[in-house]
């Protein structure tokens, strides 16, 4: 079966698999061997242009019913495949070439989620006490020392009024229109202000994202705008340590990683970075998306986005989950000053507190990693590490929570790491 999407069918790996499947189809004389599933509109590659797709775009339920019927009707065809087991074995070998075995031994896995263990107590709704010039008021909000999001004529913020009035100056006097407990805002939204639950979660996530960015900027990290407008925060030469950063938390999370390095082959410096993405579902947390950027001088990102993209794909293609997670742990260790909390201020006396290390989950199975397992060596430009096995934790779907229009549902890529979220 081919899961068809506009971008998916353009990938070379997918086209290679279509070619293999087409060869099998001709060998066994089954023109309907390839079953395309249409998730979005796509231009069918030439080799499957004749195939009738099953439509999942219109209805998943109808698509699944049609797929089950098609597979039942194709049962008789499976007998023909017995005579071409050699071809099928070849196909299986291609797909399992880099596979590893599973064992029913439980394993703890490290995610890229930081749980929020402390929330600000109160959310305030502010307005201006008198007539305003909208452009001037907006500029002052954009440059405020604490995070806020525009709402109607005013804004929402976690900080009390005495943290803001000096910034807005006498010509923009403030007043508190209403206030609500943060937990109540997340659980029940704000009916008195006609804020629905979906909007409440989006506003909460936006406030925390802005607070994170202010904190990262306060650590002298630089920002780089990725495709879609997301900001990657990274350390220039002289900001983050050039040597390996040792990290050590409980539960065996011990290792060391560089988060900045130099490629002699490419004559470029690489810089590890992150994009924070606050979420409410299934519990309040911040997800850190991995990034990697390149500079010539250690301070100025390459000004050619296409070259930056090509470098990300080629330079990090052999980086595995352990390496990405190790860099994340080293980065968080540096960012938190070796603490078990990452404090994100939202006012002079109030803050979010994120728990370190990241959330771990217990999997009922683990991967067999034998001594003879095939492994690609580290890049010559990157030092070895003692990291434990750390993997990505896919984001769960929240039917009511904030949806990021720039997400490609992660493993997207082109600007997420490993595709920036998991190692491009």
Protein backbone atom coordinates (compact mmCIF):
# COMPACT_ATOMS: atom_id res chain seq x y z
CA UNK A 1 0.00 0.00 0.00
CA UNK A 2 1.16 3.52 -0.77
CA UNK A 3 0.08 6.27 1.61
CA UNK A 4 -0.20 9.14 -0.84
CA UNK A 5 0.34 12.79 0.07
CA UNK A 6 1.42 15.73 -2.06
CA UNK A 7 4.95 15.87 -0.62
CA UNK A 8 5.37 12.20 0.25
CA UNK A 9 5.23 10.90 -3.32
CA UNK A 10 7.98 13.34 -4.32
CA UNK A 11 10.53 11.86 -1.90
CA UNK A 12 13.20 9.72 -3.50
CA UNK A 13 12.88 6.96 -0.92
CA UNK A 14 9.17 6.61 -1.65
CA UNK A 15 9.82 6.53 -5.40
CA UNK A 16 12.44 3.81 -4.87
CA UNK A 17 9.88 1.70 -3.02
CA UNK A 18 7.33 2.28 -5.79
CA UNK A 19 9.90 1.00 -8.28
CA UNK A 20 10.48 -2.16 -6.23
CA UNK A 21 6.74 -2.73 -5.81
CA UNK A 22 6.21 -2.18 -9.55
CA UNK A 23 8.83 -4.86 -10.30
CA UNK A 24 7.07 -7.31 -7.98
CA UNK A 25 3.74 -6.43 -9.58
CA UNK A 26 5.04 -7.29 -13.06
CA UNK A 27 6.71 -10.47 -11.85
CA UNK A 28 3.55 -11.91 -10.32
CA UNK A 29 1.30 -10.51 -13.03
CA UNK A 30 -0.86 -8.52 -10.62
CA UNK A 31 -1.61 -5.01 -11.91
CA UNK A 32 -3.46 -4.21 -8.68
CA UNK A 33 -0.59 -5.22 -6.40
CA UNK A 34 0.02 -1.56 -5.45
CA UNK A 35 -2.89 0.00 -3.60
CA UNK A 36 -2.57 3.82 -3.27
CA UNK A 37 -4.33 5.46 -0.31
CA UNK A 38 -5.13 9.12 -0.91
CA UNK A 39 -4.72 11.21 2.25
CA UNK A 40 -4.35 14.47 0.32
CA UNK A 41 -4.39 15.37 -3.35
CA UNK A 42 -1.20 14.23 -5.11
CA UNK A 43 0.17 13.75 -8.59
CA UNK A 44 0.58 10.01 -9.04
CA UNK A 45 4.05 8.90 -10.23
CA UNK A 46 4.07 7.39 -13.71
CA UNK A 47 4.51 3.80 -12.50
CA UNK A 48 1.23 3.87 -10.56
CA UNK A 49 -0.71 6.29 -12.74
CA UNK A 50 -3.07 3.44 -13.69
CA UNK A 51 -3.80 2.39 -10.09
CA UNK A 52 -7.17 3.26 -8.58
CA UNK A 53 -6.63 4.97 -5.25
CA UNK A 54 -8.73 4.49 -2.12
CA UNK A 55 -9.96 7.85 -0.85
CA UNK A 56 -9.13 8.58 2.80
CA UNK A 57 -9.27 12.34 2.27
CA UNK A 58 -13.05 12.46 2.14
CA UNK A 59 -13.70 9.95 4.92
CA UNK A 60 -11.36 7.74 6.94
CA UNK A 61 -14.23 5.40 7.85
CA UNK A 62 -15.26 4.90 4.22
CA UNK A 63 -11.63 4.60 3.15
CA UNK A 64 -10.92 1.92 5.75
CA UNK A 65 -14.04 -0.02 4.75
CA UNK A 66 -13.04 0.08 1.08
CA UNK A 67 -9.47 -0.96 1.92
CA UNK A 68 -10.66 -3.98 3.91
CA UNK A 69 -12.90 -5.04 1.03
CA UNK A 70 -10.06 -4.64 -1.46
CA UNK A 71 -7.72 -6.76 0.66
CA UNK A 72 -10.35 -9.49 1.05
CA UNK A 73 -10.92 -9.54 -2.70
CA UNK A 74 -7.17 -9.82 -3.25
CA UNK A 75 -6.84 -12.93 -1.08
CA UNK A 76 -6.76 -15.23 -4.08
CA UNK A 77 -3.88 -13.27 -5.57
CA UNK A 78 -1.69 -14.11 -2.57
CA UNK A 79 -1.43 -17.71 -3.80
CA UNK A 80 0.38 -16.47 -6.88
CA UNK A 81 3.00 -14.80 -4.73
CA UNK A 82 4.12 -18.14 -3.34
CA UNK A 83 5.80 -18.82 -6.66
CA UNK A 84 7.85 -15.65 -6.47
CA UNK A 85 9.05 -15.94 -2.88
CA UNK A 86 12.55 -15.00 -3.98
CA UNK A 87 11.34 -11.60 -5.19
CA UNK A 88 9.34 -11.07 -2.02
CA UNK A 89 12.33 -12.07 0.11
CA UNK A 90 14.38 -9.45 -1.71
CA UNK A 91 11.77 -6.79 -0.98
CA UNK A 92 11.70 -7.86 2.66
CA UNK A 93 15.48 -7.63 2.88
CA UNK A 94 15.41 -4.09 1.50
CA UNK A 95 12.87 -2.99 4.11
CA UNK A 96 14.53 -4.74 7.04
CA UNK A 97 18.13 -3.99 6.14
CA UNK A 98 18.60 -1.58 9.06
CA UNK A 99 15.97 -3.06 11.36
CA UNK A 100 16.60 -4.21 14.91
CA UNK A 101 14.86 -6.85 16.97
CA UNK A 102 12.49 -6.17 19.85
CA UNK A 103 12.54 -7.94 23.18
CA UNK A 104 9.77 -7.91 25.85
CA UNK A 105 12.12 -6.21 28.31
CA UNK A 106 10.82 -2.89 29.68
CA UNK A 107 12.90 0.19 28.90
CA UNK A 108 12.77 3.80 30.09
CA UNK A 109 12.80 6.29 27.22
CA UNK A 110 13.66 9.97 27.46
CA UNK A 111 11.36 12.43 25.71
CA UNK A 112 11.93 16.01 24.62
CA UNK A 113 9.16 17.21 26.97
CA UNK A 114 9.76 19.32 30.07
CA UNK A 115 6.88 19.09 32.51
CA UNK A 116 5.61 22.35 34.02
CA UNK A 117 5.65 21.79 37.77
CA UNK A 118 4.64 25.32 38.78
CA UNK A 119 2.26 27.77 37.09
CA UNK A 120 1.78 31.49 37.79
CA UNK A 121 -1.20 31.82 40.12
CA UNK A 122 -3.13 34.55 38.29
CA UNK A 123 -3.80 35.71 34.74
CA UNK A 124 -4.72 39.37 34.29
CA UNK A 125 -6.74 41.12 31.59
CA UNK A 126 -5.44 44.66 31.06
CA UNK A 127 -6.83 47.63 29.17
CA UNK A 128 -5.65 51.20 28.76
CA UNK A 129 -7.33 53.73 31.00
CA UNK A 130 -8.20 56.32 28.40
CA UNK A 131 -7.89 56.97 24.66
CA UNK A 132 -4.86 55.50 22.90
CA UNK A 133 -3.08 55.58 19.58
CA UNK A 134 -3.20 51.94 18.54
CA UNK A 135 0.18 51.88 16.81
CA UNK A 136 1.95 53.44 19.79
CA UNK A 137 0.25 51.07 22.25
CA UNK A 138 1.13 48.05 20.13
CA UNK A 139 4.79 49.04 19.93
CA UNK A 140 4.95 49.37 23.71
CA UNK A 141 3.35 45.92 24.09
CA UNK A 142 5.85 44.42 21.66
CA UNK A 143 8.79 45.83 23.64
CA UNK A 144 7.42 45.03 27.11
CA UNK A 145 9.83 43.40 29.60
CA UNK A 146 7.33 40.64 30.40
CA UNK A 147 5.29 38.34 28.11
CA UNK A 148 1.84 39.45 27.02
CA UNK A 149 -0.61 38.71 24.21
CA UNK A 150 -2.97 41.23 22.65
CA UNK A 151 -6.64 40.87 23.54
CA UNK A 152 -9.27 43.29 22.31
CA UNK A 153 -7.89 46.76 23.00
CA UNK A 154 -5.55 45.57 25.75
CA UNK A 155 -3.67 42.39 26.56
CA UNK A 156 -3.36 39.31 28.76
CA UNK A 157 -0.36 38.91 31.08
CA UNK A 158 0.71 37.04 34.21
CA UNK A 159 2.55 39.95 35.81
CA UNK A 160 0.93 42.44 38.24
CA UNK A 161 0.36 46.04 37.22
CA UNK A 162 3.37 47.45 39.11
CA UNK A 163 5.65 45.44 36.78
CA UNK A 164 4.24 47.25 33.74
CA UNK A 165 3.25 50.81 34.48
CA UNK A 166 6.77 52.26 34.30
CA UNK A 167 7.21 50.68 30.88
CA UNK A 168 3.97 52.09 29.48
CA UNK A 169 4.65 55.53 31.00
CA UNK A 170 2.04 58.08 32.12
CA UNK A 171 0.64 58.64 28.62
CA UNK A 172 -0.53 55.00 28.51
CA UNK A 173 -2.05 54.38 31.95
CA UNK A 174 -3.17 50.78 32.58
CA UNK A 175 -6.10 49.27 34.44
CA UNK A 176 -6.93 45.68 35.37
CA UNK A 177 -10.26 44.74 33.79
CA UNK A 178 -10.46 41.22 35.23
CA UNK A 179 -8.36 38.42 36.66
CA UNK A 180 -8.64 34.62 36.86
CA UNK A 181 -6.74 31.75 38.43
CA UNK A 182 -4.46 30.17 35.84
CA UNK A 183 -5.65 26.64 36.59
CA UNK A 184 -9.26 27.71 36.14
CA UNK A 185 -8.36 29.43 32.87
CA UNK A 186 -6.91 26.18 31.52
CA UNK A 187 -9.68 23.94 32.84
CA UNK A 188 -12.77 26.05 32.21
CA UNK A 189 -11.55 28.89 29.95
CA UNK A 190 -12.95 32.37 30.77
CA UNK A 191 -16.71 32.57 30.13
CA UNK A 192 -16.98 36.05 31.65
CA UNK A 193 -14.64 37.35 28.94
CA UNK A 194 -16.11 35.10 26.22
CA UNK A 195 -12.87 33.12 25.84
CA UNK A 196 -13.51 29.53 24.76
CA UNK A 197 -11.37 26.62 25.94
CA UNK A 198 -9.55 26.24 22.60
CA UNK A 199 -8.64 29.95 22.56
CA UNK A 200 -7.63 29.84 26.23
CA UNK A 201 -5.12 27.08 25.54
CA UNK A 202 -3.73 28.92 22.54
CA UNK A 203 -3.32 32.12 24.54
CA UNK A 204 -1.68 30.23 27.39
CA UNK A 205 0.76 28.56 24.99
CA UNK A 206 1.53 31.89 23.31
CA UNK A 207 2.25 33.55 26.65
CA UNK A 208 4.58 30.75 27.72
CA UNK A 209 6.32 30.73 24.32
CA UNK A 210 6.98 34.47 24.63
CA UNK A 211 8.25 33.96 28.17
CA UNK A 212 10.60 31.21 26.97
CA UNK A 213 11.93 33.45 24.22
CA UNK A 214 12.59 36.29 26.66
CA UNK A 215 14.45 33.83 28.91
CA UNK A 216 16.53 32.48 26.02
CA UNK A 217 17.34 36.01 24.85
CA UNK A 218 18.36 36.83 28.42
CA UNK A 219 20.94 34.03 28.20
CA UNK A 220 22.38 35.85 25.16
CA UNK A 221 21.19 33.19 22.73
CA UNK A 222 20.52 34.27 19.14
CA UNK A 223 17.35 33.60 17.17
CA UNK A 224 17.08 32.40 13.59
CA UNK A 225 13.78 32.38 11.69
CA UNK A 226 13.00 28.99 10.22
CA UNK A 227 10.60 28.23 7.40
CA UNK A 228 7.10 29.04 8.64
CA UNK A 229 8.27 31.76 11.00
CA UNK A 230 9.34 29.59 13.93
CA UNK A 231 12.42 30.81 15.81
CA UNK A 232 15.41 28.57 16.46
CA UNK A 233 17.45 29.67 19.47
CA UNK A 234 21.14 28.86 19.32
CA UNK A 235 24.44 29.84 20.91
CA UNK A 236 27.04 31.80 18.98
CA UNK A 237 30.77 31.36 19.52
CA UNK A 238 31.59 32.86 22.90
CA UNK A 239 28.06 32.37 24.26
CA UNK A 240 27.95 28.61 24.84
CA UNK A 241 30.92 26.44 25.84
CA UNK A 242 32.93 25.20 22.84
CA UNK A 243 33.93 22.01 24.65
CA UNK A 244 31.76 19.05 25.57
CA UNK A 245 29.21 19.76 28.29
CA UNK A 246 28.90 17.04 30.90
CA UNK A 247 25.40 16.39 32.24
CA UNK A 248 24.30 14.16 35.06
CA UNK A 249 20.82 13.64 36.41
CA UNK A 250 19.34 10.73 38.29
CA UNK A 251 18.16 7.50 36.64
CA UNK A 252 21.39 7.05 34.73
CA UNK A 253 21.09 10.16 32.55
CA UNK A 254 24.80 10.80 32.36
CA UNK A 255 26.92 11.79 29.41
CA UNK A 256 28.59 14.64 27.57
CA UNK A 257 28.00 16.44 24.30
CA UNK A 258 29.14 19.40 22.28
CA UNK A 259 26.48 21.90 21.24
CA UNK A 260 28.82 23.86 19.00
CA UNK A 261 31.57 22.53 16.78
CA UNK A 262 33.69 23.05 13.69
CA UNK A 263 33.65 21.03 10.47
CA UNK A 264 37.10 20.93 8.90
CA UNK A 265 35.65 19.31 5.79
CA UNK A 266 33.11 22.07 5.18
CA UNK A 267 35.04 24.86 6.91
CA UNK A 268 31.91 25.78 8.78
CA UNK A 269 30.81 25.92 12.38
CA UNK A 270 27.67 24.03 13.40
CA UNK A 271 25.46 25.18 16.24
CA UNK A 272 22.85 23.17 18.10
CA UNK A 273 19.64 25.04 18.87
CA UNK A 274 16.06 24.53 20.01
CA UNK A 275 12.55 25.80 19.36
CA UNK A 276 10.32 25.70 22.47
CA UNK A 277 6.71 24.66 21.87
CA UNK A 278 4.44 24.90 24.93
CA UNK A 279 1.49 22.51 25.08
CA UNK A 280 -1.37 21.84 27.49
CA UNK A 281 -2.33 18.30 26.42
CA UNK A 282 -2.01 15.72 27.93
CA UNK A 283 -0.52 17.87 30.72
CA UNK A 284 1.15 21.30 30.68
CA UNK A 285 4.65 20.95 29.24
CA UNK A 286 7.15 22.49 26.84
CA UNK A 287 8.38 20.41 23.93
CA UNK A 288 11.86 21.27 22.66
CA UNK A 289 12.37 20.82 18.92
CA UNK A 290 15.97 20.16 17.88
CA UNK A 291 17.63 22.50 15.41
CA UNK A 292 21.07 22.83 13.86
CA UNK A 293 22.46 25.92 12.11
CA UNK A 294 25.70 26.78 10.33
CA UNK A 295 27.97 29.82 10.33
CA UNK A 296 31.30 30.72 8.81
CA UNK A 297 32.43 33.01 11.60
CA UNK A 298 30.68 31.41 14.55
CA UNK A 299 28.23 34.29 14.91
CA UNK A 300 26.39 34.98 11.63
CA UNK A 301 24.08 32.30 10.16
CA UNK A 302 24.51 31.53 6.48
CA UNK A 303 22.33 33.92 4.50
CA UNK A 304 21.29 31.29 1.94
CA UNK A 305 18.29 29.31 3.32
CA UNK A 306 18.59 26.64 0.63
CA UNK A 307 22.25 26.03 1.45
CA UNK A 308 21.40 25.92 5.16
CA UNK A 309 18.71 23.33 4.43
CA UNK A 310 21.04 21.17 2.31
CA UNK A 311 23.70 21.29 5.00
CA UNK A 312 21.23 20.21 7.68
CA UNK A 313 20.22 17.19 5.63
CA UNK A 314 23.73 16.11 4.65
CA UNK A 315 25.71 16.99 7.78
CA UNK A 316 23.31 15.36 10.26
CA UNK A 317 22.10 12.42 8.17
CA UNK A 318 24.01 9.89 10.30
CA UNK A 319 23.04 11.48 13.64
CA UNK A 320 20.82 9.12 15.59
CA UNK A 321 18.30 9.75 18.35
CA UNK A 322 20.90 9.24 21.10
CA UNK A 323 23.01 12.04 19.67
CA UNK A 324 20.11 14.48 19.37
CA UNK A 325 18.84 13.70 22.85
CA UNK A 326 22.36 13.96 24.24
CA UNK A 327 22.74 17.44 22.77
CA UNK A 328 19.34 18.42 24.18
CA UNK A 329 20.37 17.22 27.66
CA UNK A 330 23.69 19.06 27.43
CA UNK A 331 21.92 22.22 26.25
CA UNK A 332 19.37 22.03 29.11
CA UNK A 333 22.14 21.37 31.62
CA UNK A 334 23.91 24.54 30.49
CA UNK A 335 20.69 26.57 30.27
CA UNK A 336 19.55 25.63 33.79
CA UNK A 337 23.00 26.10 35.37
CA UNK A 338 23.03 22.46 36.48
CA UNK A 339 19.71 22.78 38.31
CA UNK A 340 16.75 20.41 38.46
CA UNK A 341 14.44 23.24 37.41
CA UNK A 342 14.37 25.69 34.54
CA UNK A 343 12.79 28.89 35.83
CA UNK A 344 10.97 31.01 33.24
CA UNK A 345 10.02 34.41 34.72
CA UNK A 346 6.76 36.08 33.67
CA UNK A 347 6.95 38.92 36.18
CA UNK A 348 9.26 40.29 38.85
CA UNK A 349 7.82 37.89 41.43
CA UNK A 350 6.16 35.13 39.40
CA UNK A 351 7.42 32.45 37.03
CA UNK A 352 6.88 29.11 35.38
CA UNK A 353 9.03 26.27 36.65
CA UNK A 354 9.96 23.44 34.27
CA UNK A 355 11.16 20.17 35.74
CA UNK A 356 14.49 18.66 34.71
CA UNK A 357 15.48 16.21 33.35
CA UNK A 358 12.88 15.73 30.60
CA UNK A 359 9.91 13.42 31.06
CA UNK A 360 10.67 9.70 30.75
CA UNK A 361 8.20 7.02 29.72
CA UNK A 362 8.36 3.29 30.29
CA UNK A 363 8.04 1.18 27.14
CA UNK A 364 6.98 -2.48 27.54
CA UNK A 365 9.62 -3.55 24.99
CA UNK A 366 13.18 -2.61 24.15
CA UNK A 367 15.47 -2.88 21.12
CA UNK A 368 18.10 -5.58 21.06
CA UNK A 369 21.43 -3.86 20.58
CA UNK A 370 23.96 -6.57 19.92
CA UNK A 371 27.68 -6.02 19.70
CA UNK A 372 27.51 -6.85 16.02
CA UNK A 373 24.66 -4.44 15.27
CA UNK A 374 25.39 -2.29 12.25
CA UNK A 375 26.10 1.26 13.30
CA UNK A 376 27.26 4.25 11.32
CA UNK A 377 30.33 5.90 12.87
CA UNK A 378 30.16 9.41 14.26
CA UNK A 379 31.02 12.24 11.94
CA UNK A 380 34.68 13.21 11.97
CA UNK A 381 33.49 16.65 13.03
CA UNK A 382 31.77 15.43 16.19
CA UNK A 383 33.29 13.88 19.27
CA UNK A 384 32.08 10.64 20.79
CA UNK A 385 29.78 10.49 23.79
CA UNK A 386 28.73 8.29 26.67
CA UNK A 387 25.01 8.97 26.22
CA UNK A 388 22.45 6.38 27.16
CA UNK A 389 19.94 5.38 24.50
CA UNK A 390 17.57 8.29 24.15
CA UNK A 391 14.77 8.53 21.64
CA UNK A 392 12.19 11.00 20.45
CA UNK A 393 8.70 11.07 21.87
CA UNK A 394 6.08 11.79 19.21
CA UNK A 395 3.60 14.51 20.05
CA UNK A 396 0.12 13.38 20.98
CA UNK A 397 -2.87 14.98 19.28
CA UNK A 398 -4.97 17.22 21.49
CA UNK A 399 -8.45 17.70 20.03
CA UNK A 400 -8.90 20.93 21.96
CA UNK A 401 -5.41 22.20 22.54
CA UNK A 402 -3.29 24.67 20.61
CA UNK A 403 -2.51 23.67 17.08
CA UNK A 404 0.69 24.98 15.57
CA UNK A 405 0.11 25.76 11.86
CA UNK A 406 3.83 25.37 11.24
CA UNK A 407 3.92 21.79 12.50
CA UNK A 408 4.26 19.18 9.79
CA UNK A 409 3.26 16.71 12.43
CA UNK A 410 6.85 16.61 13.17
CA UNK A 411 9.27 14.25 11.45
CA UNK A 412 8.59 16.79 8.78
CA UNK A 413 11.14 18.20 8.37
CA UNK A 414 12.57 20.03 6.28
CA UNK A 415 13.21 22.40 9.05
CA UNK A 416 12.94 20.09 11.94
CA UNK A 417 15.73 18.14 13.27
CA UNK A 418 16.17 14.82 12.80
CA UNK A 419 14.28 16.62 10.75
CA UNK A 420 14.85 19.03 13.34
CA UNK A 421 12.46 17.30 15.71
CA UNK A 422 14.06 13.95 15.40
CA UNK A 423 17.28 14.28 13.60
CA UNK A 424 17.31 15.57 10.09
